[in-house]
PDB file of N, CA and C in Angstrom:
ATOM      1  N   MET A   1     -30.276 -19.598  -6.559  1.00  0.00           N
ATOM      2  CA  MET A   1     -30.304 -20.480  -5.404  1.00  0.00           C
ATOM      3  C   MET A   1     -28.958 -21.456  -5.394  1.00  0.00           C
ATOM      4  N   GLU A   2     -28.319 -21.525  -4.370  1.00  0.00           N
ATOM      5  CA  GLU A   2     -27.244 -22.419  -4.329  1.00  0.00           C
ATOM      6  C   GLU A   2     -27.743 -23.580  -3.355  1.00  0.00           C
ATOM      7  N   VAL A   3     -27.504 -24.739  -3.915  1.00  0.00           N
ATOM      8  CA  VAL A   3     -27.823 -26.024  -2.959  1.00  0.00           C
ATOM      9  C   VAL A   3     -26.639 -26.468  -2.583  1.00  0.00           C
ATOM     10  N   LYS A   4     -26.438 -26.788  -1.241  1.00  0.00           N
ATOM     11  CA  LYS A   4     -25.067 -27.130  -0.557  1.00  0.00           C
ATOM     12  C   LYS A   4     -25.275 -28.464   0.205  1.00  0.00           C
ATOM     13  N   ASP A   5     -24.362 -29.283  -0.045  1.00  0.00           N
ATOM     14  CA  ASP A   5     -24.288 -30.534   0.823  1.00  0.00           C
ATOM     15  C   ASP A   5     -23.866 -30.280   2.339  1.00  0.00           C
ATOM     16  N   SER A   6     -23.594 -31.338   3.069  1.00  0.00           N
ATOM     17  CA  SER A   6     -23.415 -31.236   4.515  1.00  0.00           C
ATOM     18  C   SER A   6     -22.100 -30.535   4.823  1.00  0.00           C
ATOM     19  N   ASN A   7     -21.165 -30.624   3.972  1.00  0.00           N
ATOM     20  CA  ASN A   7     -19.812 -30.103   4.035  1.00  0.00           C
ATOM     21  C   ASN A   7     -19.862 -28.658   3.356  1.00  0.00           C
ATOM     22  N   GLY A   8     -20.928 -28.154   2.678  1.00  0.00           N
ATOM     23  CA  GLY A   8     -21.050 -26.935   2.140  1.00  0.00           C
ATOM     24  C   GLY A   8     -20.378 -26.750   0.566  1.00  0.00           C
ATOM     25  N   THR A   9     -20.262 -27.974   0.105  1.00  0.00           N
ATOM     26  CA  THR A   9     -19.943 -28.007  -1.354  1.00  0.00           C
ATOM     27  C   THR A   9     -21.263 -27.802  -2.130  1.00  0.00           C
ATOM     28  N   ILE A  10     -21.174 -27.027  -3.265  1.00  0.00           N
ATOM     29  CA  ILE A  10     -22.312 -26.681  -4.076  1.00  0.00           C
ATOM     30  C   ILE A  10     -22.598 -27.750  -4.931  1.00  0.00           C
ATOM     31  N   LEU A  11     -24.007 -28.237  -4.861  1.00  0.00           N
ATOM     32  CA  LEU A  11     -24.509 -29.315  -5.815  1.00  0.00           C
ATOM     33  C   LEU A  11     -25.151 -28.858  -6.943  1.00  0.00           C
ATOM     34  N   SER A  12     -25.106 -29.593  -8.111  1.00  0.00           N
ATOM     35  CA  SER A  12     -25.869 -29.217  -9.274  1.00  0.00           C
ATOM     36  C   SER A  12     -26.624 -30.414  -9.820  1.00  0.00           C
ATOM     37  N   ASN A  13     -27.488 -30.276 -10.900  1.00  0.00           N
ATOM     38  CA  ASN A  13     -28.243 -31.469 -11.551  1.00  0.00           C
ATOM     39  C   ASN A  13     -27.116 -32.378 -12.073  1.00  0.00           C
ATOM     40  N   GLY A  14     -27.421 -33.585 -11.781  1.00  0.00           N
ATOM     41  CA  GLY A  14     -26.542 -34.671 -12.448  1.00  0.00           C
ATOM     42  C   GLY A  14     -25.529 -35.092 -11.451  1.00  0.00           C
ATOM     43  N   ASP A  15     -25.249 -34.397 -10.251  1.00  0.00           N
ATOM     44  CA  ASP A  15     -24.178 -34.822  -9.588  1.00  0.00           C
ATOM     45  C   ASP A  15     -24.373 -36.206  -8.825  1.00  0.00           C
ATOM     46  N   SER A  16     -23.356 -36.803  -8.408  1.00  0.00           N
ATOM     47  CA  SER A  16     -23.592 -38.002  -7.627  1.00  0.00           C
ATOM     48  C   SER A  16     -23.161 -37.484  -6.116  1.00  0.00           C
ATOM     49  N   VAL A  17     -24.081 -38.177  -5.209  1.00  0.00           N
ATOM     50  CA  VAL A  17     -23.796 -37.924  -3.806  1.00  0.00           C
ATOM     51  C   VAL A  17     -23.718 -39.278  -3.031  1.00  0.00           C
ATOM     52  N   THR A  18     -23.140 -39.100  -1.761  1.00  0.00           N
ATOM     53  CA  THR A  18     -23.184 -40.335  -0.857  1.00  0.00           C
ATOM     54  C   THR A  18     -23.769 -40.019   0.380  1.00  0.00           C
ATOM     55  N   LEU A  19     -24.601 -40.961   1.062  1.00  0.00           N
ATOM     56  CA  LEU A  19     -25.282 -40.836   2.159  1.00  0.00           C
ATOM     57  C   LEU A  19     -24.205 -40.831   3.365  1.00  0.00           C
ATOM     58  N   ILE A  20     -24.487 -39.987   4.429  1.00  0.00           N
ATOM     59  CA  ILE A  20     -23.465 -39.907   5.462  1.00  0.00           C
ATOM     60  C   ILE A  20     -24.211 -40.406   6.784  1.00  0.00           C
ATOM     61  N   LYS A  21     -25.385 -40.928   6.587  1.00  0.00           N
ATOM     62  CA  LYS A  21     -26.181 -41.580   7.625  1.00  0.00           C
ATOM     63  C   LYS A  21     -27.150 -42.482   7.222  1.00  0.00           C
ATOM     64  N   ASP A  22     -27.479 -43.525   8.036  1.00  0.00           N
ATOM     65  CA  ASP A  22     -28.608 -44.477   7.591  1.00  0.00           C
ATOM     66  C   ASP A  22     -29.876 -43.757   7.641  1.00  0.00           C
ATOM     67  N   LEU A  23     -30.702 -43.909   6.734  1.00  0.00           N
ATOM     68  CA  LEU A  23     -31.981 -43.241   6.676  1.00  0.00           C
ATOM     69  C   LEU A  23     -33.005 -44.231   6.533  1.00  0.00           C
ATOM     70  N   LYS A  24     -34.111 -44.121   7.193  1.00  0.00           N
ATOM     71  CA  LYS A  24     -35.306 -44.880   7.000  1.00  0.00           C
ATOM     72  C   LYS A  24     -36.220 -44.147   6.009  1.00  0.00           C
ATOM     73  N   VAL A  25     -36.820 -44.866   5.187  1.00  0.00           N
ATOM     74  CA  VAL A  25     -37.543 -44.114   4.176  1.00  0.00           C
ATOM     75  C   VAL A  25     -39.121 -44.319   4.759  1.00  0.00           C
ATOM     76  N   LYS A  26     -39.745 -43.137   4.908  1.00  0.00           N
ATOM     77  CA  LYS A  26     -41.127 -43.204   5.315  1.00  0.00           C
ATOM     78  C   LYS A  26     -42.098 -43.770   4.574  1.00  0.00           C
ATOM     79  N   GLY A  27     -43.045 -44.529   5.095  1.00  0.00           N
ATOM     80  CA  GLY A  27     -44.026 -45.367   4.118  1.00  0.00           C
ATOM     81  C   GLY A  27     -43.403 -46.497   3.658  1.00  0.00           C
ATOM     82  N   SER A  28     -42.186 -46.975   4.034  1.00  0.00           N
ATOM     83  CA  SER A  28     -41.571 -48.106   3.487  1.00  0.00           C
ATOM     84  C   SER A  28     -40.873 -48.779   4.541  1.00  0.00           C
ATOM     85  N   SER A  29     -40.427 -50.147   4.432  1.00  0.00           N
ATOM     86  CA  SER A  29     -39.576 -50.899   5.311  1.00  0.00           C
ATOM     87  C   SER A  29     -38.098 -50.801   4.983  1.00  0.00           C
ATOM     88  N   VAL A  30     -37.844 -49.950   3.751  1.00  0.00           N
ATOM     89  CA  VAL A  30     -36.491 -49.723   3.245  1.00  0.00           C
ATOM     90  C   VAL A  30     -35.692 -48.889   4.252  1.00  0.00           C
ATOM     91  N   THR A  31     -34.360 -49.219   4.408  1.00  0.00           N
ATOM     92  CA  THR A  31     -33.494 -48.437   4.954  1.00  0.00           C
ATOM     93  C   THR A  31     -32.274 -48.206   4.143  1.00  0.00           C
ATOM     94  N   LEU A  32     -31.937 -47.055   3.874  1.00  0.00           N
ATOM     95  CA  LEU A  32     -30.808 -46.593   3.049  1.00  0.00           C
ATOM     96  C   LEU A  32     -29.622 -46.520   3.923  1.00  0.00           C
ATOM     97  N   LYS A  33     -28.603 -47.240   3.617  1.00  0.00           N
ATOM     98  CA  LYS A  33     -27.354 -47.364   4.447  1.00  0.00           C
ATOM     99  C   LYS A  33     -26.363 -46.284   4.198  1.00  0.00           C
ATOM    100  N   ARG A  34     -25.644 -46.078   5.123  1.00  0.00           N
ATOM    101  CA  ARG A  34     -24.667 -44.943   5.131  1.00  0.00           C
ATOM    102  C   ARG A  34     -23.525 -45.462   4.026  1.00  0.00           C
ATOM    103  N   GLY A  35     -23.107 -44.559   3.260  1.00  0.00           N
ATOM    104  CA  GLY A  35     -22.118 -44.837   2.271  1.00  0.00           C
ATOM    105  C   GLY A  35     -22.639 -45.341   0.829  1.00  0.00           C
ATOM    106  N   LYS A  36     -24.010 -45.369   0.634  1.00  0.00           N
ATOM    107  CA  LYS A  36     -24.644 -45.673  -0.454  1.00  0.00           C
ATOM    108  C   LYS A  36     -24.428 -44.563  -1.506  1.00  0.00           C
ATOM    109  N   THR A  37     -24.057 -44.593  -2.641  1.00  0.00           N
ATOM    110  CA  THR A  37     -23.909 -43.647  -3.708  1.00  0.00           C
ATOM    111  C   THR A  37     -25.068 -43.529  -4.464  1.00  0.00           C
ATOM    112  N   VAL A  38     -25.614 -42.241  -4.505  1.00  0.00           N
ATOM    113  CA  VAL A  38     -26.965 -41.887  -5.326  1.00  0.00           C
ATOM    114  C   VAL A  38     -26.511 -40.989  -6.678  1.00  0.00           C
ATOM    115  N   LYS A  39     -26.725 -41.617  -7.733  1.00  0.00           N
ATOM    116  CA  LYS A  39     -26.367 -40.737  -9.006  1.00  0.00           C
ATOM    117  C   LYS A  39     -27.338 -39.947  -9.604  1.00  0.00           C
ATOM    118  N   ASN A  40     -27.054 -38.973 -10.273  1.00  0.00           N
ATOM    119  CA  ASN A  40     -27.850 -38.287 -10.981  1.00  0.00           C
ATOM    120  C   ASN A  40     -29.054 -37.676 -10.438  1.00  0.00           C
ATOM    121  N   ILE A  41     -28.624 -36.779  -9.343  1.00  0.00           N
ATOM    122  CA  ILE A  41     -29.575 -36.078  -8.610  1.00  0.00           C
ATOM    123  C   ILE A  41     -30.252 -34.991  -9.424  1.00  0.00           C
ATOM    124  N   LYS A  42     -31.526 -34.585  -8.910  1.00  0.00           N
ATOM    125  CA  LYS A  42     -32.107 -33.409  -9.450  1.00  0.00           C
ATOM    126  C   LYS A  42     -32.489 -32.467  -8.331  1.00  0.00           C
ATOM    127  N   LEU A  43     -32.198 -31.140  -8.628  1.00  0.00           N
ATOM    128  CA  LEU A  43     -32.480 -30.036  -7.665  1.00  0.00           C
ATOM    129  C   LEU A  43     -34.138 -29.872  -7.726  1.00  0.00           C
ATOM    130  N   THR A  44     -34.594 -29.468  -6.372  1.00  0.00           N
ATOM    131  CA  THR A  44     -35.908 -29.129  -6.323  1.00  0.00           C
ATOM    132  C   THR A  44     -35.992 -27.694  -6.026  1.00  0.00           C
ATOM    133  N   GLU A  45     -37.266 -27.095  -5.730  1.00  0.00           N
ATOM    134  CA  GLU A  45     -37.550 -25.697  -5.561  1.00  0.00           C
ATOM    135  C   GLU A  45     -37.013 -25.394  -4.155  1.00  0.00           C
ATOM    136  N   ASP A  46     -36.777 -26.436  -3.183  1.00  0.00           N
ATOM    137  CA  ASP A  46     -36.309 -26.106  -1.821  1.00  0.00           C
ATOM    138  C   ASP A  46     -34.758 -26.291  -1.909  1.00  0.00           C
ATOM    139  N   GLU A  47     -34.191 -25.657  -1.290  1.00  0.00           N
ATOM    140  CA  GLU A  47     -32.636 -25.761  -1.507  1.00  0.00           C
ATOM    141  C   GLU A  47     -32.141 -26.781  -0.341  1.00  0.00           C
ATOM    142  N   ASP A  48     -32.982 -27.134   0.455  1.00  0.00           N
ATOM    143  CA  ASP A  48     -32.547 -28.211   1.480  1.00  0.00           C
ATOM    144  C   ASP A  48     -32.960 -29.661   0.941  1.00  0.00           C
ATOM    145  N   GLU A  49     -33.510 -29.802  -0.106  1.00  0.00           N
ATOM    146  CA  GLU A  49     -33.912 -31.110  -0.657  1.00  0.00           C
ATOM    147  C   GLU A  49     -33.411 -31.289  -2.125  1.00  0.00           C
ATOM    148  N   VAL A  50     -33.153 -32.593  -2.427  1.00  0.00           N
ATOM    149  CA  VAL A  50     -32.831 -33.165  -3.737  1.00  0.00           C
ATOM    150  C   VAL A  50     -33.707 -34.273  -4.069  1.00  0.00           C
ATOM    151  N   ASP A  51     -34.247 -34.415  -5.371  1.00  0.00           N
ATOM    152  CA  ASP A  51     -34.903 -35.564  -5.884  1.00  0.00           C
ATOM    153  C   ASP A  51     -34.064 -36.534  -6.580  1.00  0.00           C
ATOM    154  N   CYS A  52     -34.173 -37.902  -6.399  1.00  0.00           N
ATOM    155  CA  CYS A  52     -33.247 -38.864  -6.843  1.00  0.00           C
ATOM    156  C   CYS A  52     -34.038 -40.133  -6.920  1.00  0.00           C
ATOM    157  N   ARG A  53     -33.370 -41.178  -7.526  1.00  0.00           N
ATOM    158  CA  ARG A  53     -33.867 -42.534  -7.736  1.00  0.00           C
ATOM    159  C   ARG A  53     -32.963 -43.388  -6.985  1.00  0.00           C
ATOM    160  N   VAL A  54     -33.450 -44.153  -6.216  1.00  0.00           N
ATOM    161  CA  VAL A  54     -32.722 -45.066  -5.313  1.00  0.00           C
ATOM    162  C   VAL A  54     -33.349 -46.495  -5.356  1.00  0.00           C
ATOM    163  N   ASP A  55     -32.692 -47.499  -5.820  1.00  0.00           N
ATOM    164  CA  ASP A  55     -33.203 -48.851  -5.949  1.00  0.00           C
ATOM    165  C   ASP A  55     -34.622 -48.780  -6.636  1.00  0.00           C
ATOM    166  N   GLY A  56     -34.738 -48.072  -7.709  1.00  0.00           N
ATOM    167  CA  GLY A  56     -36.180 -47.949  -8.480  1.00  0.00           C
ATOM    168  C   GLY A  56     -37.136 -47.092  -7.737  1.00  0.00           C
ATOM    169  N   MET A  57     -36.853 -46.550  -6.602  1.00  0.00           N
ATOM    170  CA  MET A  57     -37.804 -45.648  -5.996  1.00  0.00           C
ATOM    171  C   MET A  57     -37.439 -44.142  -6.230  1.00  0.00           C
ATOM    172  N   SER A  58     -38.464 -43.409  -6.585  1.00  0.00           N
ATOM    173  CA  SER A  58     -38.265 -41.922  -6.659  1.00  0.00           C
ATOM    174  C   SER A  58     -38.525 -41.378  -5.149  1.00  0.00           C
ATOM    175  N   ILE A  59     -37.427 -40.753  -4.608  1.00  0.00           N
ATOM    176  CA  ILE A  59     -37.430 -40.116  -3.337  1.00  0.00           C
ATOM    177  C   ILE A  59     -36.863 -38.799  -3.160  1.00  0.00           C
ATOM    178  N   VAL A  60     -37.084 -38.124  -2.094  1.00  0.00           N
ATOM    179  CA  VAL A  60     -36.551 -36.840  -1.975  1.00  0.00           C
ATOM    180  C   VAL A  60     -35.638 -37.024  -0.580  1.00  0.00           C
ATOM    181  N   LEU A  61     -34.355 -36.423  -0.894  1.00  0.00           N
ATOM    182  CA  LEU A  61     -33.466 -36.513   0.392  1.00  0.00           C
ATOM    183  C   LEU A  61     -33.083 -35.229   0.797  1.00  0.00           C
ATOM    184  N   LYS A  62     -32.965 -34.979   2.103  1.00  0.00           N
ATOM    185  CA  LYS A  62     -32.367 -33.909   2.450  1.00  0.00           C
ATOM    186  C   LYS A  62     -30.834 -33.641   2.456  1.00  0.00           C
ATOM    187  N   THR A  63     -30.452 -32.490   1.990  1.00  0.00           N
ATOM    188  CA  THR A  63     -29.055 -32.303   1.838  1.00  0.00           C
ATOM    189  C   THR A  63     -28.058 -32.463   2.950  1.00  0.00           C
ATOM    190  N   ALA A  64     -28.740 -32.299   4.133  1.00  0.00           N
ATOM    191  CA  ALA A  64     -28.063 -32.395   5.422  1.00  0.00           C
ATOM    192  C   ALA A  64     -27.343 -33.739   5.589  1.00  0.00           C
ATOM    193  N   PHE A  65     -27.955 -34.721   4.884  1.00  0.00           N
ATOM    194  CA  PHE A  65     -27.374 -36.163   4.975  1.00  0.00           C
ATOM    195  C   PHE A  65     -26.626 -36.614   3.894  1.00  0.00           C
ATOM    196  N   LEU A  66     -26.232 -35.613   2.923  1.00  0.00           N
ATOM    197  CA  LEU A  66     -25.571 -35.985   1.684  1.00  0.00           C
ATOM    198  C   LEU A  66     -24.240 -35.301   1.741  1.00  0.00           C
ATOM    199  N   LYS A  67     -23.121 -35.884   0.978  1.00  0.00           N
ATOM    200  CA  LYS A  67     -22.055 -35.276   0.682  1.00  0.00           C
ATOM    201  C   LYS A  67     -21.670 -35.620  -0.832  1.00  0.00           C
ATOM    202  N   LYS A  68     -21.082 -34.659  -1.548  1.00  0.00           N
ATOM    203  CA  LYS A  68     -20.767 -34.881  -2.964  1.00  0.00           C
ATOM    204  C   LYS A  68     -19.731 -35.882  -3.162  1.00  0.00           C
ATOM    205  N   ALA A  69     -20.091 -36.797  -4.051  1.00  0.00           N
ATOM    206  CA  ALA A  69     -19.073 -38.040  -4.360  1.00  0.00           C
ATOM    207  C   ALA A  69     -18.074 -37.609  -5.201  1.00  0.00           C
TER     208      ALA A  69
END
C-alpha cells in the first residue's frame, strides 16, 4: 500500500508533514493552522489517513490536507 500526500509524494512512517489548510479538530475547540509541521507520523490501515501527535493530542489526519516537509 502506498500512502501519498496531496502532491503525490509517497509518505512513510516517521516522516514530517506540513498542513496545507486550516483544520478544525472535531470534539475540540482547537484549530490547526496552515503551515504547522507535524513530525513522526504513523501510517494507518487506511491509505487516506495518518496517525500523529499534535500539541499533545493523538489525532488522525487526512492525507489530502498534508504535504511532505
